[in-house]
Amino acid sequence: MKPDKPTPLPPEAYMQGGGAPRFKQVAAFALAALLELSMLVLLASTYTETMGLASNQYLCDLPGAGGLFCIIDEDMTVSHLLAFLLAVFSVAVPIMIWTAVLDENIHEDPRAWLASPMNRVKAGMAGLVYGAVVALEVVNLYTLIAQEAAPNPFGAAQDTSAMMDFLAQNQGLGVFVALLIALVNTVLALMTVRASRSLIQKG
């Protein structure tokens, strides 16, 4: 009598992404999301500090949606809203670019991907938008540093930290710090995309 054949396992058993998310994937995604939120707060604060566009126009006074902004914050101005939107833009663009790179496997063979004319157009547009994000971050962060070097019209000593005072005295190093923060934003975007993809694959 022949022994019974073993019951074949379902295809999900051979997939590495099967099963419930493990603690490691959840913790990595939570850490990446927390770091992205910190970067968003940093950029929003910097843009608010250096941007004075329509700073006297309170959103609470706007017709229609003004009541909603009154509930959120009565002192919120158009400048605050613009700074928040720019911060979201600065954080979201690197995330979308890394998502496209990993979804289309561009990192495996960039030359083959760029062989298509349409892909070259996509790459050019993505590079242009990403360059605008980096320029926006660098200009605003450098402006914040340069404000410390500006003379105080009231003649009183400004209350600044030692690091900000040092960067104000060495503004070339301030540009490097601004570029470094832009680079950190890009790396955080990659970490967030990889953590989210790993979490989804485990789900």
N, C-alpha and C. Protein backbone atom coordinates (compact mmCIF):
# COMPACT_ATOMS: atom_id res chain seq x y z
N MET A 1 0.85 -1.20 0.00
CA MET A 1 0.00 0.00 0.00
C MET A 1 0.87 1.24 0.00
N LYS A 2 0.62 2.11 -0.97
CA LYS A 2 1.44 3.32 -1.08
C LYS A 2 1.04 4.33 -0.01
N PRO A 3 2.06 5.00 0.57
CA PRO A 3 1.72 6.02 1.57
C PRO A 3 1.02 7.21 0.91
N ASP A 4 0.17 7.83 1.68
CA ASP A 4 -0.54 9.02 1.18
C ASP A 4 0.45 10.15 0.88
N LYS A 5 0.18 10.83 -0.22
CA LYS A 5 1.02 11.98 -0.55
C LYS A 5 0.75 13.13 0.42
N PRO A 6 1.81 13.86 0.77
CA PRO A 6 1.59 14.98 1.69
C PRO A 6 0.73 16.06 1.03
N THR A 7 -0.09 16.68 1.82
CA THR A 7 -0.97 17.74 1.31
C THR A 7 -0.12 18.96 0.95
N PRO A 8 -0.24 19.42 -0.29
CA PRO A 8 0.57 20.59 -0.67
C PRO A 8 0.17 21.83 0.11
N LEU A 9 1.16 22.64 0.41
CA LEU A 9 0.90 23.87 1.13
C LEU A 9 0.33 24.92 0.20
N PRO A 10 -0.46 25.82 0.71
CA PRO A 10 -0.99 26.90 -0.14
C PRO A 10 0.13 27.82 -0.59
N PRO A 11 -0.09 28.54 -1.69
CA PRO A 11 0.97 29.44 -2.20
C PRO A 11 1.40 30.48 -1.18
N GLU A 12 0.47 30.89 -0.28
CA GLU A 12 0.84 31.93 0.68
C GLU A 12 1.96 31.48 1.61
N ALA A 13 2.07 30.14 1.79
CA ALA A 13 3.10 29.64 2.71
C ALA A 13 4.49 29.84 2.16
N TYR A 14 4.62 29.93 0.82
CA TYR A 14 5.93 30.10 0.21
C TYR A 14 6.28 31.57 -0.01
N MET A 15 5.35 32.45 0.28
CA MET A 15 5.59 33.90 0.08
C MET A 15 6.20 34.49 1.32
N GLN A 16 7.26 35.24 1.12
CA GLN A 16 7.93 35.86 2.25
C GLN A 16 7.07 36.92 2.90
N GLY A 17 6.17 37.51 2.13
CA GLY A 17 5.37 38.60 2.69
C GLY A 17 4.12 38.13 3.40
N GLY A 18 3.88 36.81 3.47
CA GLY A 18 2.67 36.32 4.09
C GLY A 18 2.73 36.44 5.59
N GLY A 19 1.58 36.38 6.21
CA GLY A 19 1.52 36.44 7.64
C GLY A 19 1.23 37.83 8.16
N ALA A 20 0.98 37.90 9.44
CA ALA A 20 0.67 39.18 10.07
C ALA A 20 1.94 40.01 10.24
N PRO A 21 1.80 41.33 10.30
CA PRO A 21 2.98 42.17 10.50
C PRO A 21 3.67 41.85 11.82
N ARG A 22 4.95 41.75 11.79
CA ARG A 22 5.71 41.50 13.00
C ARG A 22 5.99 42.82 13.71
N PHE A 23 6.40 42.72 14.96
CA PHE A 23 6.65 43.91 15.77
C PHE A 23 7.75 44.77 15.16
N LYS A 24 8.72 44.12 14.53
CA LYS A 24 9.83 44.86 13.94
C LYS A 24 9.36 45.79 12.83
N GLN A 25 8.48 45.30 11.96
CA GLN A 25 7.97 46.13 10.87
C GLN A 25 7.10 47.28 11.39
N VAL A 26 6.26 46.97 12.39
CA VAL A 26 5.40 48.01 12.96
C VAL A 26 6.23 49.08 13.65
N ALA A 27 7.25 48.66 14.40
CA ALA A 27 8.09 49.62 15.10
C ALA A 27 8.88 50.47 14.12
N ALA A 28 9.37 49.87 13.03
CA ALA A 28 10.12 50.64 12.03
C ALA A 28 9.23 51.67 11.36
N PHE A 29 8.00 51.29 11.04
CA PHE A 29 7.08 52.24 10.42
C PHE A 29 6.72 53.37 11.38
N ALA A 30 6.48 53.03 12.65
CA ALA A 30 6.14 54.05 13.64
C ALA A 30 7.29 55.03 13.83
N LEU A 31 8.52 54.52 13.86
CA LEU A 31 9.69 55.39 14.01
C LEU A 31 9.84 56.30 12.80
N ALA A 32 9.68 55.73 11.59
CA ALA A 32 9.80 56.54 10.38
C ALA A 32 8.72 57.60 10.33
N ALA A 33 7.50 57.25 10.71
CA ALA A 33 6.40 58.23 10.71
C ALA A 33 6.66 59.34 11.72
N LEU A 34 7.21 58.98 12.88
CA LEU A 34 7.52 59.99 13.90
C LEU A 34 8.60 60.94 13.41
N LEU A 35 9.63 60.41 12.75
CA LEU A 35 10.70 61.24 12.22
C LEU A 35 10.18 62.15 11.10
N GLU A 36 9.29 61.63 10.26
CA GLU A 36 8.71 62.46 9.20
C GLU A 36 7.87 63.58 9.80
N LEU A 37 7.12 63.28 10.85
CA LEU A 37 6.33 64.31 11.53
C LEU A 37 7.23 65.38 12.13
N SER A 38 8.37 64.96 12.70
CA SER A 38 9.32 65.92 13.25
C SER A 38 9.89 66.82 12.16
N MET A 39 10.21 66.23 11.00
CA MET A 39 10.70 67.02 9.88
C MET A 39 9.64 67.99 9.39
N LEU A 40 8.38 67.57 9.37
CA LEU A 40 7.28 68.44 8.96
C LEU A 40 7.16 69.63 9.90
N VAL A 41 7.25 69.38 11.20
CA VAL A 41 7.17 70.46 12.19
C VAL A 41 8.35 71.41 12.04
N LEU A 42 9.55 70.85 11.82
CA LEU A 42 10.74 71.67 11.65
C LEU A 42 10.61 72.60 10.45
N LEU A 43 10.19 72.04 9.31
CA LEU A 43 10.07 72.85 8.11
C LEU A 43 8.95 73.87 8.23
N ALA A 44 7.83 73.46 8.81
CA ALA A 44 6.72 74.39 8.98
C ALA A 44 7.11 75.55 9.88
N SER A 45 7.84 75.27 10.95
CA SER A 45 8.30 76.33 11.86
C SER A 45 9.27 77.26 11.16
N THR A 46 10.17 76.69 10.36
CA THR A 46 11.15 77.52 9.65
C THR A 46 10.48 78.40 8.61
N TYR A 47 9.56 77.83 7.85
CA TYR A 47 8.87 78.61 6.84
C TYR A 47 8.03 79.72 7.48
N THR A 48 7.41 79.43 8.61
CA THR A 48 6.62 80.43 9.30
C THR A 48 7.50 81.58 9.80
N GLU A 49 8.71 81.23 10.26
CA GLU A 49 9.62 82.24 10.80
C GLU A 49 10.16 83.15 9.71
N THR A 50 10.37 82.63 8.52
CA THR A 50 11.02 83.41 7.47
C THR A 50 10.05 83.96 6.44
N MET A 51 8.79 83.59 6.51
CA MET A 51 7.84 84.00 5.48
C MET A 51 6.85 84.99 6.08
N GLY A 52 6.81 86.17 5.51
CA GLY A 52 5.91 87.21 6.01
C GLY A 52 4.82 87.56 5.03
N LEU A 53 4.50 86.68 4.10
CA LEU A 53 3.50 86.95 3.08
C LEU A 53 2.10 86.92 3.69
N ALA A 54 1.40 88.05 3.58
CA ALA A 54 0.03 88.17 4.11
C ALA A 54 -0.03 87.77 5.58
N SER A 55 0.96 88.18 6.35
CA SER A 55 0.99 87.80 7.77
C SER A 55 -0.02 88.57 8.60
N ASN A 56 -0.61 89.64 8.03
CA ASN A 56 -1.62 90.41 8.75
C ASN A 56 -3.04 90.00 8.39
N GLN A 57 -3.18 89.05 7.48
CA GLN A 57 -4.50 88.58 7.07
C GLN A 57 -4.85 87.33 7.87
N TYR A 58 -5.80 87.45 8.78
CA TYR A 58 -6.19 86.32 9.62
C TYR A 58 -7.22 85.46 8.88
N LEU A 59 -6.99 84.15 8.93
CA LEU A 59 -7.89 83.23 8.26
C LEU A 59 -9.26 83.21 8.90
N CYS A 60 -9.33 83.57 10.16
CA CYS A 60 -10.61 83.60 10.86
C CYS A 60 -11.54 84.66 10.28
N ASP A 61 -10.96 85.68 9.63
CA ASP A 61 -11.76 86.76 9.07
C ASP A 61 -12.26 86.46 7.66
N LEU A 62 -11.82 85.36 7.08
CA LEU A 62 -12.23 85.04 5.72
C LEU A 62 -13.70 84.63 5.70
N PRO A 63 -14.42 84.97 4.64
CA PRO A 63 -15.82 84.56 4.55
C PRO A 63 -15.93 83.06 4.24
N GLY A 64 -16.99 82.46 4.68
CA GLY A 64 -17.22 81.05 4.40
C GLY A 64 -16.45 80.15 5.35
N ALA A 65 -15.22 79.79 4.97
CA ALA A 65 -14.42 78.86 5.75
C ALA A 65 -13.75 79.51 6.95
N GLY A 66 -13.96 80.80 7.15
CA GLY A 66 -13.32 81.47 8.28
C GLY A 66 -13.70 80.89 9.62
N GLY A 67 -14.96 80.46 9.77
CA GLY A 67 -15.40 79.87 11.03
C GLY A 67 -14.65 78.61 11.39
N LEU A 68 -14.30 77.82 10.37
CA LEU A 68 -13.52 76.60 10.62
C LEU A 68 -12.13 76.94 11.15
N PHE A 69 -11.49 77.94 10.56
CA PHE A 69 -10.16 78.33 11.03
C PHE A 69 -10.23 78.95 12.43
N CYS A 70 -11.35 79.58 12.77
CA CYS A 70 -11.50 80.13 14.12
C CYS A 70 -11.51 79.01 15.16
N ILE A 71 -12.10 77.87 14.79
CA ILE A 71 -12.11 76.73 15.72
C ILE A 71 -10.70 76.16 15.90
N ILE A 72 -9.94 76.12 14.81
CA ILE A 72 -8.58 75.57 14.87
C ILE A 72 -7.65 76.50 15.63
N ASP A 73 -7.55 77.75 15.16
CA ASP A 73 -6.66 78.74 15.79
C ASP A 73 -7.10 80.12 15.33
N GLU A 74 -7.48 80.94 16.27
CA GLU A 74 -7.95 82.28 15.92
C GLU A 74 -6.83 83.17 15.40
N ASP A 75 -5.59 82.88 15.78
CA ASP A 75 -4.46 83.72 15.38
C ASP A 75 -3.78 83.22 14.11
N MET A 76 -4.33 82.20 13.45
CA MET A 76 -3.70 81.68 12.24
C MET A 76 -3.87 82.66 11.10
N THR A 77 -2.77 82.94 10.40
CA THR A 77 -2.79 83.86 9.28
C THR A 77 -2.56 83.12 7.97
N VAL A 78 -2.67 83.86 6.87
CA VAL A 78 -2.40 83.27 5.56
C VAL A 78 -0.95 82.79 5.49
N SER A 79 -0.05 83.51 6.13
CA SER A 79 1.35 83.10 6.15
C SER A 79 1.53 81.75 6.82
N HIS A 80 0.80 81.50 7.90
CA HIS A 80 0.89 80.21 8.59
C HIS A 80 0.39 79.08 7.69
N LEU A 81 -0.73 79.33 7.01
CA LEU A 81 -1.28 78.30 6.13
C LEU A 81 -0.33 78.00 4.97
N LEU A 82 0.25 79.05 4.38
CA LEU A 82 1.19 78.85 3.29
C LEU A 82 2.43 78.10 3.75
N ALA A 83 2.92 78.42 4.94
CA ALA A 83 4.10 77.74 5.47
C ALA A 83 3.80 76.26 5.70
N PHE A 84 2.60 75.95 6.20
CA PHE A 84 2.24 74.54 6.42
C PHE A 84 2.12 73.79 5.10
N LEU A 85 1.52 74.41 4.09
CA LEU A 85 1.38 73.76 2.79
C LEU A 85 2.74 73.51 2.15
N LEU A 86 3.65 74.47 2.28
CA LEU A 86 4.99 74.29 1.74
C LEU A 86 5.75 73.19 2.48
N ALA A 87 5.53 73.09 3.79
CA ALA A 87 6.17 72.03 4.56
C ALA A 87 5.66 70.66 4.13
N VAL A 88 4.34 70.54 3.93
CA VAL A 88 3.78 69.29 3.44
C VAL A 88 4.34 68.94 2.07
N PHE A 89 4.45 69.95 1.21
CA PHE A 89 5.02 69.75 -0.12
C PHE A 89 6.47 69.27 -0.02
N SER A 90 7.25 69.86 0.85
CA SER A 90 8.66 69.50 0.99
C SER A 90 8.83 68.07 1.51
N VAL A 91 7.91 67.62 2.34
CA VAL A 91 8.01 66.26 2.89
C VAL A 91 7.43 65.24 1.92
N ALA A 92 6.35 65.61 1.22
CA ALA A 92 5.64 64.65 0.37
C ALA A 92 6.39 64.36 -0.93
N VAL A 93 7.07 65.34 -1.50
CA VAL A 93 7.73 65.14 -2.80
C VAL A 93 8.79 64.04 -2.74
N PRO A 94 9.73 64.05 -1.78
CA PRO A 94 10.70 62.94 -1.74
C PRO A 94 10.04 61.58 -1.51
N ILE A 95 8.96 61.54 -0.73
CA ILE A 95 8.26 60.28 -0.50
C ILE A 95 7.66 59.75 -1.79
N MET A 96 7.03 60.63 -2.58
CA MET A 96 6.43 60.20 -3.85
C MET A 96 7.49 59.76 -4.85
N ILE A 97 8.63 60.45 -4.86
CA ILE A 97 9.70 60.07 -5.79
C ILE A 97 10.26 58.70 -5.44
N TRP A 98 10.54 58.46 -4.15
CA TRP A 98 11.06 57.16 -3.74
C TRP A 98 10.03 56.06 -3.98
N THR A 99 8.76 56.36 -3.79
CA THR A 99 7.71 55.37 -4.06
C THR A 99 7.71 54.95 -5.52
N ALA A 100 7.83 55.94 -6.41
CA ALA A 100 7.86 55.63 -7.84
C ALA A 100 9.12 54.84 -8.20
N VAL A 101 10.24 55.19 -7.60
CA VAL A 101 11.50 54.47 -7.88
C VAL A 101 11.39 53.00 -7.50
N LEU A 102 10.82 52.73 -6.33
CA LEU A 102 10.72 51.34 -5.87
C LEU A 102 9.60 50.59 -6.57
N ASP A 103 8.50 51.26 -6.89
CA ASP A 103 7.39 50.58 -7.58
C ASP A 103 7.78 50.15 -8.99
N GLU A 104 8.54 50.99 -9.69
CA GLU A 104 8.93 50.69 -11.07
C GLU A 104 10.31 50.05 -11.17
N ASN A 105 10.91 49.74 -10.02
CA ASN A 105 12.23 49.08 -9.98
C ASN A 105 13.28 49.85 -10.79
N ILE A 106 13.23 51.17 -10.67
CA ILE A 106 14.18 52.01 -11.40
C ILE A 106 15.59 51.80 -10.88
N HIS A 107 15.73 51.53 -9.59
CA HIS A 107 17.05 51.39 -8.99
C HIS A 107 17.78 50.15 -9.48
N GLU A 108 17.05 49.17 -10.03
CA GLU A 108 17.70 47.95 -10.50
C GLU A 108 18.41 48.14 -11.84
N ASP A 109 17.82 48.94 -12.73
CA ASP A 109 18.43 49.19 -14.04
C ASP A 109 17.99 50.57 -14.53
N PRO A 110 18.64 51.63 -14.04
CA PRO A 110 18.22 52.98 -14.43
C PRO A 110 18.35 53.25 -15.93
N ARG A 111 19.39 52.69 -16.56
CA ARG A 111 19.58 52.95 -17.99
C ARG A 111 18.44 52.37 -18.82
N ALA A 112 18.02 51.17 -18.49
CA ALA A 112 16.91 50.56 -19.23
C ALA A 112 15.63 51.35 -19.03
N TRP A 113 15.42 51.87 -17.82
CA TRP A 113 14.21 52.64 -17.56
C TRP A 113 14.25 53.97 -18.31
N LEU A 114 15.42 54.60 -18.36
CA LEU A 114 15.56 55.88 -19.06
C LEU A 114 15.57 55.73 -20.57
N ALA A 115 15.60 54.50 -21.08
CA ALA A 115 15.59 54.31 -22.53
C ALA A 115 14.28 54.77 -23.14
N SER A 116 13.21 54.75 -22.36
CA SER A 116 11.91 55.21 -22.86
C SER A 116 11.85 56.74 -22.83
N PRO A 117 11.43 57.37 -23.93
CA PRO A 117 11.33 58.85 -23.94
C PRO A 117 10.38 59.39 -22.87
N MET A 118 9.27 58.69 -22.64
CA MET A 118 8.32 59.13 -21.63
C MET A 118 8.93 59.08 -20.24
N ASN A 119 9.74 58.05 -19.98
CA ASN A 119 10.40 57.95 -18.68
C ASN A 119 11.41 59.07 -18.49
N ARG A 120 12.07 59.48 -19.57
CA ARG A 120 13.00 60.60 -19.46
C ARG A 120 12.26 61.90 -19.13
N VAL A 121 11.07 62.05 -19.67
CA VAL A 121 10.25 63.22 -19.33
C VAL A 121 9.86 63.18 -17.85
N LYS A 122 9.45 61.99 -17.38
CA LYS A 122 9.11 61.83 -15.96
C LYS A 122 10.30 62.15 -15.07
N ALA A 123 11.47 61.65 -15.45
CA ALA A 123 12.67 61.89 -14.66
C ALA A 123 13.02 63.38 -14.63
N GLY A 124 12.86 64.05 -15.77
CA GLY A 124 13.15 65.48 -15.81
C GLY A 124 12.19 66.28 -14.94
N MET A 125 10.91 65.95 -14.99
CA MET A 125 9.93 66.65 -14.17
C MET A 125 10.17 66.38 -12.68
N ALA A 126 10.48 65.11 -12.36
CA ALA A 126 10.75 64.77 -10.96
C ALA A 126 12.00 65.49 -10.45
N GLY A 127 13.04 65.56 -11.29
CA GLY A 127 14.25 66.28 -10.90
C GLY A 127 14.00 67.75 -10.71
N LEU A 128 13.15 68.35 -11.57
CA LEU A 128 12.83 69.77 -11.45
C LEU A 128 12.07 70.06 -10.15
N VAL A 129 11.08 69.21 -9.86
CA VAL A 129 10.30 69.42 -8.64
C VAL A 129 11.16 69.18 -7.40
N TYR A 130 11.99 68.13 -7.44
CA TYR A 130 12.85 67.86 -6.29
C TYR A 130 13.87 68.98 -6.09
N GLY A 131 14.40 69.52 -7.20
CA GLY A 131 15.32 70.65 -7.08
C GLY A 131 14.64 71.85 -6.46
N ALA A 132 13.36 72.08 -6.79
CA ALA A 132 12.62 73.19 -6.19
C ALA A 132 12.44 72.98 -4.69
N VAL A 133 12.22 71.73 -4.29
CA VAL A 133 12.07 71.42 -2.86
C VAL A 133 13.37 71.69 -2.11
N VAL A 134 14.48 71.22 -2.67
CA VAL A 134 15.78 71.45 -2.03
C VAL A 134 16.09 72.94 -1.95
N ALA A 135 15.83 73.67 -3.04
CA ALA A 135 16.07 75.12 -3.04
C ALA A 135 15.20 75.81 -1.99
N LEU A 136 13.95 75.39 -1.88
CA LEU A 136 13.06 75.98 -0.89
C LEU A 136 13.56 75.75 0.52
N GLU A 137 13.99 74.54 0.82
CA GLU A 137 14.49 74.22 2.14
C GLU A 137 15.77 75.00 2.45
N VAL A 138 16.69 75.01 1.49
CA VAL A 138 17.97 75.67 1.72
C VAL A 138 17.79 77.17 1.90
N VAL A 139 16.99 77.79 1.04
CA VAL A 139 16.80 79.24 1.12
C VAL A 139 16.17 79.63 2.46
N ASN A 140 15.15 78.88 2.89
CA ASN A 140 14.48 79.24 4.14
C ASN A 140 15.35 78.97 5.36
N LEU A 141 16.04 77.85 5.38
CA LEU A 141 16.92 77.56 6.51
C LEU A 141 18.08 78.53 6.56
N TYR A 142 18.63 78.87 5.39
CA TYR A 142 19.73 79.83 5.36
C TYR A 142 19.25 81.22 5.76
N THR A 143 18.02 81.58 5.35
CA THR A 143 17.46 82.87 5.74
C THR A 143 17.30 82.96 7.25
N LEU A 144 16.87 81.87 7.87
CA LEU A 144 16.73 81.86 9.32
C LEU A 144 18.07 82.08 10.00
N ILE A 145 19.12 81.46 9.45
CA ILE A 145 20.46 81.65 10.02
C ILE A 145 20.95 83.07 9.76
N ALA A 146 20.72 83.58 8.56
CA ALA A 146 21.20 84.92 8.21
C ALA A 146 20.51 86.00 9.03
N GLN A 147 19.30 85.75 9.50
CA GLN A 147 18.61 86.75 10.33
C GLN A 147 19.38 87.04 11.61
N GLU A 148 20.12 86.04 12.09
CA GLU A 148 20.88 86.24 13.32
C GLU A 148 22.04 87.21 13.10
N ALA A 149 22.52 87.29 11.86
CA ALA A 149 23.64 88.20 11.58
C ALA A 149 23.17 89.61 11.26
N ALA A 150 21.86 89.78 11.04
CA ALA A 150 21.34 91.11 10.72
C ALA A 150 21.42 92.00 11.94
N PRO A 151 21.71 93.30 11.76
CA PRO A 151 21.79 94.20 12.91
C PRO A 151 20.42 94.41 13.55
N ASN A 152 20.41 94.49 14.86
CA ASN A 152 19.18 94.71 15.60
C ASN A 152 18.88 96.21 15.64
N PRO A 153 17.74 96.67 15.08
CA PRO A 153 17.47 98.11 15.04
C PRO A 153 17.27 98.72 16.41
N PHE A 154 16.97 97.92 17.42
CA PHE A 154 16.73 98.44 18.76
C PHE A 154 18.00 98.48 19.61
N GLY A 155 19.07 97.92 19.08
CA GLY A 155 20.36 97.98 19.77
C GLY A 155 20.50 97.01 20.91
N ALA A 156 19.50 96.20 21.17
CA ALA A 156 19.58 95.24 22.26
C ALA A 156 20.16 93.93 21.75
N ALA A 157 20.76 93.18 22.62
CA ALA A 157 21.35 91.90 22.25
C ALA A 157 20.25 90.89 21.96
N GLN A 158 20.40 90.16 20.90
CA GLN A 158 19.41 89.16 20.54
C GLN A 158 19.62 87.89 21.36
N ASP A 159 18.52 87.27 21.75
CA ASP A 159 18.57 86.04 22.54
C ASP A 159 18.68 84.86 21.59
N THR A 160 19.90 84.44 21.31
CA THR A 160 20.13 83.35 20.37
C THR A 160 20.98 82.28 21.04
N SER A 161 20.92 81.08 20.48
CA SER A 161 21.73 79.99 20.98
C SER A 161 23.16 80.13 20.47
N ALA A 162 24.07 79.41 21.10
CA ALA A 162 25.47 79.49 20.70
C ALA A 162 25.67 78.96 19.28
N MET A 163 24.93 77.90 18.93
CA MET A 163 25.09 77.32 17.60
C MET A 163 24.59 78.28 16.52
N MET A 164 23.42 78.90 16.75
CA MET A 164 22.88 79.85 15.78
C MET A 164 23.80 81.05 15.63
N ASP A 165 24.39 81.49 16.74
CA ASP A 165 25.32 82.60 16.67
C ASP A 165 26.57 82.22 15.88
N PHE A 166 27.05 80.98 16.06
CA PHE A 166 28.22 80.51 15.33
C PHE A 166 27.92 80.42 13.84
N LEU A 167 26.74 79.89 13.49
CA LEU A 167 26.37 79.78 12.08
C LEU A 167 26.17 81.16 11.45
N ALA A 168 25.70 82.12 12.26
CA ALA A 168 25.54 83.47 11.74
C ALA A 168 26.89 84.10 11.43
N GLN A 169 27.91 83.75 12.23
CA GLN A 169 29.25 84.26 11.99
C GLN A 169 29.94 83.54 10.84
N ASN A 170 29.51 82.32 10.56
CA ASN A 170 30.09 81.52 9.48
C ASN A 170 28.96 81.07 8.55
N GLN A 171 28.52 81.99 7.71
CA GLN A 171 27.32 81.72 6.92
C GLN A 171 27.57 80.67 5.83
N GLY A 172 28.81 80.50 5.41
CA GLY A 172 29.10 79.42 4.48
C GLY A 172 28.80 78.07 5.09
N LEU A 173 29.12 77.90 6.36
CA LEU A 173 28.78 76.67 7.07
C LEU A 173 27.27 76.55 7.23
N GLY A 174 26.59 77.69 7.30
CA GLY A 174 25.13 77.67 7.40
C GLY A 174 24.50 77.07 6.16
N VAL A 175 25.06 77.35 4.99
CA VAL A 175 24.56 76.76 3.75
C VAL A 175 24.74 75.25 3.79
N PHE A 176 25.89 74.80 4.30
CA PHE A 176 26.14 73.36 4.42
C PHE A 176 25.13 72.70 5.34
N VAL A 177 24.80 73.34 6.46
CA VAL A 177 23.81 72.80 7.39
C VAL A 177 22.44 72.72 6.73
N ALA A 178 22.10 73.75 5.95
CA ALA A 178 20.82 73.74 5.25
C ALA A 178 20.76 72.59 4.24
N LEU A 179 21.84 72.38 3.50
CA LEU A 179 21.89 71.26 2.55
C LEU A 179 21.83 69.92 3.28
N LEU A 180 22.46 69.85 4.44
CA LEU A 180 22.45 68.62 5.22
C LEU A 180 21.04 68.27 5.68
N ILE A 181 20.27 69.28 6.09
CA ILE A 181 18.90 69.03 6.52
C ILE A 181 18.05 68.58 5.33
N ALA A 182 18.30 69.16 4.15
CA ALA A 182 17.59 68.71 2.94
C ALA A 182 17.93 67.26 2.63
N LEU A 183 19.19 66.87 2.84
CA LEU A 183 19.59 65.49 2.62
C LEU A 183 18.93 64.56 3.63
N VAL A 184 18.85 65.00 4.88
CA VAL A 184 18.18 64.20 5.91
C VAL A 184 16.71 63.98 5.54
N ASN A 185 16.07 65.01 5.01
CA ASN A 185 14.68 64.88 4.58
C ASN A 185 14.54 63.82 3.50
N THR A 186 15.49 63.76 2.58
CA THR A 186 15.46 62.76 1.52
C THR A 186 15.66 61.35 2.07
N VAL A 187 16.60 61.20 3.00
CA VAL A 187 16.85 59.88 3.59
C VAL A 187 15.65 59.42 4.43
N LEU A 188 15.04 60.34 5.15
CA LEU A 188 13.85 59.99 5.93
C LEU A 188 12.71 59.53 5.03
N ALA A 189 12.60 60.16 3.86
CA ALA A 189 11.57 59.75 2.91
C ALA A 189 11.80 58.31 2.45
N LEU A 190 13.05 57.96 2.16
CA LEU A 190 13.36 56.59 1.76
C LEU A 190 13.06 55.61 2.89
N MET A 191 13.42 55.96 4.11
CA MET A 191 13.13 55.10 5.26
C MET A 191 11.63 54.89 5.42
N THR A 192 10.85 55.95 5.25
CA THR A 192 9.40 55.86 5.41
C THR A 192 8.78 54.97 4.34
N VAL A 193 9.23 55.13 3.11
CA VAL A 193 8.68 54.33 2.01
C VAL A 193 9.01 52.86 2.21
N ARG A 194 10.26 52.56 2.56
CA ARG A 194 10.65 51.16 2.76
C ARG A 194 9.92 50.55 3.95
N ALA A 195 9.75 51.32 5.01
CA ALA A 195 9.04 50.80 6.20
C ALA A 195 7.58 50.55 5.89
N SER A 196 6.96 51.45 5.15
CA SER A 196 5.55 51.25 4.81
C SER A 196 5.36 50.06 3.87
N ARG A 197 6.26 49.90 2.90
CA ARG A 197 6.16 48.76 1.98
C ARG A 197 6.38 47.45 2.72
N SER A 198 7.32 47.42 3.66
CA SER A 198 7.56 46.20 4.42
C SER A 198 6.35 45.87 5.29
N LEU A 199 5.70 46.91 5.85
CA LEU A 199 4.53 46.68 6.68
C LEU A 199 3.37 46.15 5.85
N ILE A 200 3.18 46.69 4.65
CA ILE A 200 2.08 46.24 3.78
C ILE A 200 2.32 44.81 3.32
N GLN A 201 3.56 44.48 2.95
CA GLN A 201 3.87 43.14 2.49
C GLN A 201 3.68 42.09 3.57
N LYS A 202 3.88 42.48 4.81
CA LYS A 202 3.69 41.53 5.92
C LYS A 202 2.22 41.39 6.30
N GLY A 203 1.40 42.37 5.83
CA GLY A 203 -0.02 42.34 6.18
C GLY A 203 -0.81 41.36 5.34
